Amino acid sequence: NLAMVTPTQIRPAPRCDILCVLVVESTQHMQNLFHGLYDTVITQLITQMRTPIIVQAAGNKSQPVTKATPCVRLGVVFYGDYFPYSTQTCSKQYFTSNYREFTKTIKSHRFCEGGLLRCATTEGLVGALEMFDDFAEFDPEAHLANVQQRHAIMVTSTPPYAQGCRENAHMRYDGFGIDDVARRMREMKISFSLIKERGKQIEQVEGLLKTANVSTKSLLELPKPMSPDFDVQLMGIDLQIPPEFAAPISALTSIAPAALPNIQPQPPAPVHIQPQPIQSTASQQQQLVPQKNKVDVAVPSVDTTAMAKKPKLESQSSSSAI
């Protein structure tokens, strides 16, 4: 018999929403670079965010953690220059979970003029904050229960104006500056990532990587072969770097001396030399003189006693002649 399963026994699958806003500089210079960046880098970031993650049922910590596929909601804010240098300072495209529609919106955007020296960077960042606020207001249940991550990815090439925000829709952001944006991002726990054109120095925006992020994790920087035109620094997005783009072993950071084991040098082992006996000078000379008895061929001995008794013939012959 099959056991009947009541509706109360069915555990709803945990939801996981990820909000991501692209803040893109909308200048003519950026148009020549952005589409290649979107096809090679940004699409990989979106794919990575859509991979399954470990989540826990909202409101009930006793439930076991499970793996869920996130619902990635994508939005974009295009910012340019102030009038009359740009026809539109800031434009928004609200969150959507339809990836194809989002890509179509990105591809069909017409980049504007302006931004030769400065851009309305603060207007674009405030526009992203307003999108997060709108989502919390329009869907408070999902905002409180299901949203696991919030990302703001900025694509820029031009330094910002020093003046505060003035094109905002919400009054709370009147006169907001870069420091105010960093504080608000920390309150909302938004992970800020930066994609900056290589060779450009934008210290005001680069400082947001330290001041806007709550997490203390280290930034993930993509290697240059993977993104030739842009410096990509990611927070909270663990993008897998393909092996062909990984840094060689010789380029890795060397081990610090403090990490090496403390090995004390050992003193050299003592060498024991045994003293040899010194021979006398007479014995050394005796060894140098060749020995006559040490001959391999046997020599017959001569009897000296018989030679003494033998008569001398020469003396007898001389006496007989006399």
Protein backbone atom coordinates (compact mmCIF):
# COMPACT_ATOMS: atom_id res chain seq x y z
CA ASN A 1 0.00 0.00 0.00
CA LEU A 2 1.24 3.44 -0.94
CA ALA A 3 1.28 5.94 1.87
CA MET A 4 -0.75 9.05 1.26
CA VAL A 5 1.23 12.29 1.29
CA THR A 6 -0.64 15.28 2.59
CA PRO A 7 0.08 18.79 1.35
CA THR A 8 1.57 19.69 4.72
CA GLN A 9 4.17 16.95 4.32
CA ILE A 10 5.44 18.32 1.00
CA ARG A 11 8.42 20.57 1.59
CA PRO A 12 8.49 23.50 -0.80
CA ALA A 13 11.72 23.86 -2.68
CA PRO A 14 13.78 26.72 -1.23
CA ARG A 15 13.96 29.79 -3.42
CA CYS A 16 17.11 31.71 -4.07
CA ASP A 17 17.05 35.09 -5.81
CA ILE A 18 20.15 36.97 -6.92
CA LEU A 19 19.86 40.63 -7.87
CA CYS A 20 22.51 41.99 -10.21
CA VAL A 21 22.71 45.51 -11.68
CA LEU A 22 25.19 46.48 -14.38
CA VAL A 23 26.26 50.13 -14.14
CA VAL A 24 27.66 50.93 -17.59
CA GLU A 25 29.29 54.11 -18.84
CA SER A 26 27.35 55.16 -21.93
CA THR A 27 29.89 57.10 -23.98
CA GLN A 28 31.01 56.76 -27.58
CA HIS A 29 34.43 55.58 -26.44
CA MET A 30 32.89 52.78 -24.38
CA GLN A 31 30.70 51.61 -27.27
CA ASN A 32 33.75 50.37 -29.16
CA LEU A 33 34.80 48.19 -26.22
CA PHE A 34 31.66 47.15 -24.35
CA HIS A 35 30.14 44.63 -26.77
CA GLY A 36 33.33 42.56 -26.84
CA LEU A 37 33.49 42.73 -23.04
CA TYR A 38 29.89 41.56 -22.72
CA ASP A 39 30.42 38.53 -24.98
CA THR A 40 33.67 37.39 -23.37
CA VAL A 41 33.39 38.30 -19.67
CA ILE A 42 29.94 39.46 -18.55
CA THR A 43 28.15 36.44 -20.04
CA GLN A 44 30.45 34.19 -18.02
CA LEU A 45 29.65 36.14 -14.86
CA ILE A 46 25.93 35.67 -15.42
CA THR A 47 26.41 31.96 -16.09
CA GLN A 48 28.40 31.60 -12.88
CA MET A 49 25.69 33.30 -10.84
CA ARG A 50 23.11 30.87 -12.25
CA THR A 51 24.94 27.77 -11.01
CA PRO A 52 23.27 25.90 -8.08
CA ILE A 53 24.22 27.04 -4.58
CA ILE A 54 23.63 25.76 -1.03
CA VAL A 55 20.65 27.47 0.66
CA GLN A 56 18.56 26.99 3.80
CA ALA A 57 14.80 27.24 4.13
CA ALA A 58 13.84 30.76 5.10
CA GLY A 59 12.56 31.27 8.63
CA ASN A 60 13.36 27.73 9.77
CA LYS A 61 16.95 27.00 10.71
CA SER A 62 16.06 23.47 11.78
CA GLN A 63 15.52 22.45 8.15
CA PRO A 64 18.54 20.89 6.45
CA VAL A 65 20.39 22.88 3.85
CA THR A 66 19.70 21.99 0.23
CA LYS A 67 21.01 22.90 -3.20
CA ALA A 68 18.93 25.25 -5.31
CA THR A 69 19.30 26.91 -8.71
CA PRO A 70 19.21 30.68 -8.24
CA CYS A 71 16.77 32.92 -10.05
CA VAL A 72 19.07 35.66 -11.32
CA ARG A 73 17.29 38.97 -11.86
CA LEU A 74 19.31 41.28 -14.10
CA GLY A 75 19.05 45.05 -14.42
CA VAL A 76 21.16 47.71 -16.09
CA VAL A 77 21.83 51.41 -15.58
CA PHE A 78 23.46 53.44 -18.39
CA TYR A 79 25.02 56.73 -17.33
CA GLY A 80 26.70 59.37 -19.47
CA ASP A 81 27.44 63.06 -19.09
CA TYR A 82 25.28 66.00 -18.05
CA PHE A 83 23.31 68.07 -20.52
CA PRO A 84 24.22 69.47 -23.05
CA TYR A 85 27.13 67.03 -23.49
CA SER A 86 24.76 64.05 -23.33
CA THR A 87 21.13 63.94 -24.34
CA GLN A 88 20.28 61.66 -21.41
CA THR A 89 22.30 61.54 -18.20
CA CYS A 90 20.97 58.25 -16.85
CA SER A 91 18.63 55.50 -18.11
CA LYS A 92 17.46 52.31 -16.37
CA GLN A 93 16.20 48.88 -17.35
CA TYR A 94 14.41 47.21 -14.44
CA PHE A 95 15.11 43.66 -13.22
CA THR A 96 14.24 40.74 -15.43
CA SER A 97 14.93 37.02 -15.15
CA ASN A 98 14.72 36.57 -18.94
CA TYR A 99 18.36 36.35 -19.98
CA ARG A 100 17.62 36.62 -23.72
CA GLU A 101 15.54 39.75 -23.28
CA PHE A 102 18.23 41.29 -21.13
CA THR A 103 20.90 40.56 -23.75
CA LYS A 104 18.70 42.04 -26.46
CA THR A 105 18.35 45.23 -24.43
CA ILE A 106 22.11 45.45 -23.98
CA LYS A 107 22.84 44.91 -27.65
CA SER A 108 20.28 47.45 -28.86
CA HIS A 109 21.41 50.29 -26.58
CA ARG A 110 22.69 53.40 -28.35
CA PHE A 111 25.68 54.92 -26.61
CA CYS A 112 25.67 58.71 -26.37
CA GLU A 113 28.26 61.45 -26.77
CA GLY A 114 30.10 63.27 -24.03
CA GLY A 115 32.29 62.03 -21.25
CA LEU A 116 35.55 63.19 -22.78
CA LEU A 117 36.98 64.28 -19.41
CA ARG A 118 34.35 63.49 -16.73
CA CYS A 119 31.20 61.42 -16.40
CA ALA A 120 28.14 61.39 -14.15
CA THR A 121 29.39 58.29 -12.35
CA THR A 122 27.54 59.04 -9.12
CA GLU A 123 24.25 59.26 -11.02
CA GLY A 124 24.73 55.73 -12.31
CA LEU A 125 25.58 54.33 -8.88
CA VAL A 126 22.59 56.03 -7.28
CA GLY A 127 20.40 54.67 -10.06
CA ALA A 128 21.50 51.15 -9.08
CA LEU A 129 20.68 51.84 -5.42
CA GLU A 130 17.21 53.03 -6.43
CA MET A 131 16.60 49.79 -8.33
CA PHE A 132 17.41 47.75 -5.22
CA ASP A 133 15.05 49.96 -3.21
CA ASP A 134 12.26 49.53 -5.77
CA PHE A 135 12.57 45.75 -5.66
CA ALA A 136 12.30 45.78 -1.86
CA GLU A 137 9.19 47.98 -2.11
CA PHE A 138 7.41 46.11 -4.93
CA ASP A 139 8.19 42.58 -3.70
CA PRO A 140 8.89 42.81 0.05
CA GLU A 141 8.32 39.09 0.67
CA ALA A 142 10.92 38.02 -1.86
CA HIS A 143 13.27 40.77 -0.72
CA LEU A 144 13.23 39.60 2.89
CA ALA A 145 13.01 35.84 2.41
CA ASN A 146 14.54 34.82 -0.90
CA VAL A 147 17.21 37.32 -1.92
CA GLN A 148 20.56 35.71 -1.15
CA GLN A 149 22.95 38.01 -2.99
CA ARG A 150 23.03 41.56 -4.38
CA HIS A 151 25.63 42.57 -6.93
CA ALA A 152 26.53 45.89 -8.53
CA ILE A 153 29.02 45.53 -11.39
CA MET A 154 30.39 48.80 -12.74
CA VAL A 155 31.90 49.18 -16.21
CA THR A 156 33.75 52.48 -16.52
CA SER A 157 36.56 54.32 -18.25
CA THR A 158 36.20 58.00 -17.25
CA PRO A 159 36.70 59.70 -13.85
CA PRO A 160 33.57 61.02 -12.09
CA TYR A 161 32.48 64.57 -11.38
CA ALA A 162 33.15 65.81 -7.86
CA GLN A 163 29.64 67.22 -7.42
CA GLY A 164 26.82 65.35 -5.70
CA CYS A 165 23.91 63.54 -7.28
CA ARG A 166 21.10 65.66 -8.77
CA GLU A 167 19.33 63.39 -11.28
CA ASN A 168 18.02 60.94 -8.68
CA ALA A 169 14.38 59.84 -8.42
CA HIS A 170 14.28 59.20 -4.65
CA MET A 171 14.68 62.23 -2.40
CA ARG A 172 16.83 60.33 0.08
CA TYR A 173 19.68 60.39 -2.44
CA ASP A 174 19.78 64.16 -2.91
CA GLY A 175 23.38 65.36 -3.06
CA PHE A 176 24.83 61.86 -2.64
CA GLY A 177 28.55 61.56 -3.27
CA ILE A 178 30.90 58.59 -3.70
CA ASP A 179 31.38 58.19 0.05
CA ASP A 180 27.61 58.23 0.62
CA VAL A 181 27.18 55.55 -2.03
CA ALA A 182 29.76 53.36 -0.27
CA ARG A 183 27.97 53.72 3.06
CA ARG A 184 24.59 52.85 1.53
CA MET A 185 26.02 49.80 -0.22
CA ARG A 186 27.39 48.52 3.06
CA GLU A 187 23.98 48.95 4.68
CA MET A 188 22.29 46.96 1.90
CA LYS A 189 25.12 44.37 1.81
CA ILE A 190 25.74 44.87 -1.89
CA SER A 191 28.83 43.23 -3.41
CA PHE A 192 30.56 45.83 -5.58
CA SER A 193 32.70 44.70 -8.52
CA LEU A 194 34.65 46.92 -10.90
CA ILE A 195 35.47 46.50 -14.59
CA LYS A 196 37.80 49.34 -15.61
CA GLU A 197 39.56 50.03 -18.89
CA ARG A 198 43.23 49.11 -18.66
CA GLY A 199 45.64 51.99 -18.25
CA LYS A 200 43.07 54.35 -16.73
CA GLN A 201 43.46 55.65 -13.17
CA ILE A 202 40.10 56.28 -11.45
CA GLU A 203 40.98 56.42 -7.77
CA GLN A 204 37.54 57.58 -6.58
CA VAL A 205 35.80 54.55 -8.07
CA GLU A 206 38.58 52.09 -7.29
CA GLY A 207 38.28 53.04 -3.63
CA LEU A 208 34.74 51.62 -3.58
CA LEU A 209 36.23 48.13 -3.75
CA LYS A 210 37.42 48.64 -0.17
CA THR A 211 34.82 51.02 1.27
CA ALA A 212 31.59 49.62 -0.23
CA ASN A 213 32.08 45.89 0.34
CA VAL A 214 31.21 44.35 3.70
CA SER A 215 32.89 41.05 2.92
CA THR A 216 36.55 40.69 3.84
CA LYS A 217 37.24 38.16 1.11
CA SER A 218 39.97 38.91 -1.36
CA LEU A 219 39.02 40.22 -4.79
CA LEU A 220 39.18 37.91 -7.79
CA GLU A 221 41.17 39.55 -10.58
CA LEU A 222 40.96 38.05 -14.04
CA PRO A 223 44.25 37.57 -15.94
CA LYS A 224 45.02 39.86 -18.85
CA PRO A 225 44.71 37.17 -21.58
CA MET A 226 41.13 36.56 -20.43
CA SER A 227 40.25 40.28 -20.57
CA PRO A 228 42.79 42.19 -22.68
CA ASP A 229 41.06 45.60 -22.62
CA PHE A 230 39.69 45.76 -19.05
CA ASP A 231 40.86 45.22 -15.51
CA VAL A 232 38.22 42.94 -13.94
CA GLN A 233 38.03 42.82 -10.13
CA LEU A 234 35.16 40.73 -8.74
CA MET A 235 33.68 40.48 -5.27
CA GLY A 236 31.43 37.57 -4.37
CA ILE A 237 31.52 35.95 -7.83
CA ASP A 238 33.75 32.87 -7.89
CA LEU A 239 34.36 32.73 -11.61
CA GLN A 240 36.36 29.70 -12.72
CA ILE A 241 39.46 30.69 -14.68
CA PRO A 242 40.17 28.29 -17.58
CA PRO A 243 43.55 26.53 -17.45
CA GLU A 244 44.75 28.21 -20.64
CA PHE A 245 44.37 31.62 -18.94
CA ALA A 246 45.83 30.62 -15.56
CA ALA A 247 49.06 32.26 -14.46
CA PRO A 248 52.22 30.16 -14.96
CA ILE A 249 53.98 28.70 -11.95
CA SER A 250 56.92 31.07 -12.34
CA ALA A 251 54.55 34.03 -11.97
CA LEU A 252 53.07 32.86 -8.70
CA THR A 253 53.90 34.72 -5.52
CA SER A 254 56.93 33.30 -3.76
CA ILE A 255 56.63 31.91 -0.27
CA ALA A 256 57.35 34.43 2.42
CA PRO A 257 60.40 33.68 4.58
CA ALA A 258 58.20 33.64 7.69
CA ALA A 259 56.24 30.70 6.30
CA LEU A 260 59.31 28.53 5.94
CA PRO A 261 60.18 26.15 8.81
CA ASN A 262 62.67 27.48 11.31
CA ILE A 263 65.67 25.29 10.59
CA GLN A 264 68.73 26.03 12.73
CA PRO A 265 72.09 25.48 11.03
CA GLN A 266 73.95 22.50 12.46
CA PRO A 267 77.66 22.85 13.35
CA PRO A 268 80.03 20.72 11.28
CA ALA A 269 80.88 17.32 12.71
CA PRO A 270 84.42 17.19 14.22
CA VAL A 271 87.02 15.31 12.22
CA HIS A 272 89.18 12.97 14.35
CA ILE A 273 92.70 12.45 12.93
CA GLN A 274 94.68 9.61 14.45
CA PRO A 275 98.38 10.53 14.98
CA GLN A 276 100.81 8.35 13.06
CA PRO A 277 104.12 7.16 14.70
CA ILE A 278 107.15 9.09 13.51
CA GLN A 279 110.05 6.94 12.27
CA SER A 280 113.66 7.77 13.11
CA THR A 281 116.03 9.18 10.53
CA ALA A 282 118.25 6.12 10.60
CA SER A 283 115.40 3.78 9.89
CA GLN A 284 114.20 6.04 7.05
CA GLN A 285 117.71 5.99 5.50
CA GLN A 286 117.89 2.24 5.94
CA GLN A 287 114.64 1.89 4.01
CA LEU A 288 116.01 4.06 1.21
CA VAL A 289 119.26 1.92 0.81
CA PRO A 290 118.67 -1.06 -1.51
CA GLN A 291 119.05 -4.45 0.13
CA LYS A 292 121.48 -6.83 -1.59
CA ASN A 293 120.02 -9.90 0.04
CA LYS A 294 116.61 -9.13 -1.42
CA VAL A 295 117.31 -10.65 -4.85
CA ASP A 296 114.93 -12.94 -6.64
CA VAL A 297 117.82 -15.05 -8.25
CA ALA A 298 119.70 -17.37 -5.87
CA VAL A 299 123.46 -16.59 -5.68
CA PRO A 300 125.87 -19.33 -4.46
CA SER A 301 127.74 -18.48 -1.29
CA VAL A 302 131.56 -18.39 -1.20
CA ASP A 303 133.49 -20.24 1.55
CA THR A 304 136.06 -17.75 2.83
CA THR A 305 137.76 -20.33 5.17
CA ALA A 306 138.67 -22.62 2.28
CA MET A 307 140.06 -19.69 0.35
CA ALA A 308 142.36 -18.84 3.29
CA LYS A 309 143.81 -22.41 3.50
CA LYS A 310 144.41 -22.67 -0.25
CA PRO A 311 148.15 -22.30 -1.09
CA LYS A 312 149.25 -19.41 -3.20
CA LEU A 313 150.51 -20.79 -6.52
CA GLU A 314 152.07 -17.59 -7.69
CA SER A 315 154.42 -17.38 -4.69
CA GLN A 316 155.58 -21.05 -5.12
CA SER A 317 156.37 -20.64 -8.81
CA SER A 318 158.44 -17.55 -8.13
CA SER A 319 160.52 -19.34 -5.43
CA SER A 320 161.25 -22.35 -7.67
CA ALA A 321 162.59 -20.10 -10.37
CA ILE A 322 165.17 -18.72 -7.97
